[in-house]
Amino acid sequence: MFYSILLLLNAPAAQPVQWAQLSIEQRIIIRVPMAKKGRAPARSVPEARNEWKEKKGPRCIALRSIRSANIVMDNAIDLLLADNHRYRARLVRGCRSTSFYSGFYVEPDEDGSLCSGRDELQARSGASCGIDSFRRLEPVEPDD
């Protein structure tokens, strides 16, 4: 958001009127940390890439629900949500998830969602990658 305010400075009648302009810019950036290793998960969930199966995912995910992220593939970042669901953010071609090893930043849109085809993840290193798609992750059922 950008605000511009015009100020009229109080001047005596004998002196000319002075004008000044003050600009205020507001920028909100949300940081998404990587999941901490060694911490017990809230419930038993598989951690390895091959213990998850991908299903069709939504176009957007509410930013307020994202709690942390995990890197398990070269071209994707797994998002862990507050309700214990997981989504895989597939990055656009040419982007590598290892650029985001220390987390990432997102500039939220007015709708408060992180959307594929629209938003970008920004790394502390300066790397920036678009999101190609989201995939919903479900645990693979063990063979009995």
Protein backbone atom coordinates (compact mmCIF):
# COMPACT_ATOMS: atom_id res chain seq x y z
CA MET A 1 0.00 0.00 0.00
CA PHE A 2 1.21 3.49 -0.73
CA TYR A 3 -0.09 6.64 0.91
CA SER A 4 0.75 10.20 -0.06
CA ILE A 5 -0.09 13.07 2.29
CA LEU A 6 0.19 16.74 1.43
CA LEU A 7 1.03 18.99 4.38
CA LEU A 8 0.54 22.74 4.69
CA LEU A 9 3.13 24.10 7.07
CA ASN A 10 1.96 26.92 9.33
CA ALA A 11 3.68 30.10 8.13
CA PRO A 12 3.26 33.74 9.20
CA ALA A 13 1.12 35.89 6.87
CA ALA A 14 4.16 37.88 5.61
CA GLN A 15 5.99 34.77 4.38
CA PRO A 16 5.00 32.60 1.41
CA VAL A 17 3.15 29.36 2.08
CA GLN A 18 5.37 26.27 2.17
CA TRP A 19 4.17 22.90 0.95
CA ALA A 20 5.69 19.55 1.89
CA GLN A 21 4.84 16.03 0.83
CA LEU A 22 5.16 12.97 3.04
CA SER A 23 4.98 9.48 1.52
CA ILE A 24 4.23 6.42 3.62
CA GLU A 25 4.65 2.98 2.11
CA GLN A 26 3.44 -0.12 3.91
CA ARG A 27 4.84 -3.50 2.92
CA ILE A 28 3.90 -6.75 4.58
CA ILE A 29 6.09 -9.81 4.19
CA ILE A 30 5.31 -13.19 5.75
CA ARG A 31 8.16 -15.53 6.66
CA VAL A 32 7.57 -19.29 6.48
CA PRO A 33 10.18 -21.24 8.50
CA MET A 34 11.43 -24.71 7.68
CA ALA A 35 10.22 -27.54 9.95
CA LYS A 36 12.60 -28.26 12.79
CA LYS A 37 14.26 -31.65 12.69
CA GLY A 38 14.26 -33.75 15.83
CA ARG A 39 10.94 -32.41 17.10
CA ALA A 40 8.22 -35.00 17.55
CA PRO A 41 5.32 -34.43 15.14
CA ALA A 42 1.84 -33.81 16.52
CA ARG A 43 0.76 -37.19 15.20
CA SER A 44 2.51 -40.01 13.45
CA VAL A 45 3.17 -38.85 9.90
CA PRO A 46 5.53 -40.25 7.27
CA GLU A 47 8.57 -38.10 6.51
CA ALA A 48 10.16 -39.69 3.46
CA ARG A 49 9.19 -38.67 -0.06
CA ASN A 50 8.01 -42.17 -0.99
CA GLU A 51 5.66 -42.40 2.02
CA TRP A 52 3.33 -39.77 0.56
CA LYS A 53 1.08 -40.01 -2.44
CA GLU A 54 0.14 -36.89 -4.35
CA LYS A 55 -3.46 -36.03 -5.13
CA LYS A 56 -4.97 -33.11 -7.00
CA GLY A 57 -4.56 -29.96 -4.94
CA PRO A 58 -6.20 -26.54 -4.73
CA ARG A 59 -5.14 -23.49 -6.70
CA CYS A 60 -4.65 -21.46 -3.51
CA ILE A 61 -3.83 -22.07 0.17
CA ALA A 62 -4.65 -19.63 2.98
CA LEU A 63 -1.39 -18.08 4.24
CA ARG A 64 -2.65 -17.98 7.82
CA SER A 65 -2.85 -21.79 7.86
CA ILE A 66 0.79 -22.44 6.84
CA ARG A 67 2.95 -23.30 9.86
CA SER A 68 6.21 -24.53 8.32
CA ALA A 69 7.80 -26.06 5.25
CA ASN A 70 10.01 -29.00 4.36
CA ILE A 71 12.24 -29.81 1.40
CA VAL A 72 12.05 -33.42 0.22
CA MET A 73 12.40 -32.99 -3.58
CA ASP A 74 14.58 -30.90 -5.91
CA ASN A 75 11.70 -28.95 -7.45
CA ALA A 76 9.10 -28.80 -4.67
CA ILE A 77 8.51 -27.59 -1.12
CA ASP A 78 6.13 -29.36 1.24
CA LEU A 79 3.90 -27.04 3.28
CA LEU A 80 2.71 -28.15 6.71
CA LEU A 81 -0.60 -26.60 7.72
CA ALA A 82 -2.13 -25.88 11.12
CA ASP A 83 -4.72 -28.64 10.67
CA ASN A 84 -1.92 -31.24 10.04
CA HIS A 85 -2.62 -31.40 6.30
CA ARG A 86 0.28 -31.25 3.86
CA TYR A 87 0.52 -29.75 0.41
CA ARG A 88 3.40 -29.90 -2.03
CA ALA A 89 4.17 -26.65 -3.83
CA ARG A 90 5.66 -27.65 -7.18
CA LEU A 91 8.05 -24.92 -8.35
CA VAL A 92 8.19 -23.61 -11.91
CA ARG A 93 10.69 -25.16 -14.29
CA GLY A 94 14.30 -24.27 -13.54
CA CYS A 95 13.77 -23.54 -9.82
CA ARG A 96 15.46 -25.67 -7.20
CA SER A 97 14.00 -26.06 -3.73
CA THR A 98 17.46 -26.11 -2.12
CA SER A 99 17.52 -22.30 -2.49
CA PHE A 100 14.90 -22.21 0.27
CA TYR A 101 16.74 -24.31 2.89
CA SER A 102 16.35 -21.61 5.54
CA GLY A 103 12.70 -20.84 4.84
CA PHE A 104 11.11 -18.34 2.51
CA TYR A 105 9.17 -15.11 2.37
CA VAL A 106 5.86 -14.33 0.71
CA GLU A 107 4.29 -10.96 -0.04
CA PRO A 108 0.59 -11.62 0.58
CA ASP A 109 -2.03 -10.61 -1.91
CA GLU A 110 -5.22 -8.86 -0.78
CA ASP A 111 -7.06 -12.19 -0.57
CA GLY A 112 -4.58 -13.60 2.01
CA SER A 113 -3.86 -16.70 -0.08
CA LEU A 114 -0.76 -18.24 -1.64
CA CYS A 115 -1.75 -19.19 -5.20
CA SER A 116 -0.13 -21.21 -7.96
CA GLY A 117 0.41 -19.36 -11.20
CA ARG A 118 0.37 -16.03 -9.36
CA ASP A 119 2.63 -15.89 -6.30
CA GLU A 120 6.37 -16.33 -5.84
CA LEU A 121 8.45 -17.65 -2.96
CA GLN A 122 11.43 -15.46 -2.07
CA ALA A 123 14.54 -16.90 -0.44
CA ARG A 124 16.87 -14.98 1.86
CA SER A 125 19.59 -15.53 -0.74
CA GLY A 126 17.63 -13.48 -3.25
CA ALA A 127 16.28 -16.41 -5.25
CA SER A 128 12.67 -16.11 -6.32
CA CYS A 129 10.53 -18.93 -7.73
CA GLY A 130 6.96 -19.10 -8.90
CA ILE A 131 4.59 -21.86 -7.84
CA ASP A 132 3.51 -24.09 -10.71
CA SER A 133 0.90 -26.10 -8.78
CA PHE A 134 -0.15 -27.46 -5.40
CA ARG A 135 -0.59 -31.16 -4.75
CA ARG A 136 -2.39 -32.54 -1.70
CA LEU A 137 -0.30 -35.14 0.15
CA GLU A 138 -1.79 -38.21 1.78
CA PRO A 139 0.12 -40.85 3.74
CA VAL A 140 0.66 -44.14 1.92
CA GLU A 141 -1.20 -46.94 3.70
CA PRO A 142 1.22 -49.68 4.80
CA ASP A 143 0.66 -53.13 3.31
CA ASP A 144 -0.84 -55.46 5.88
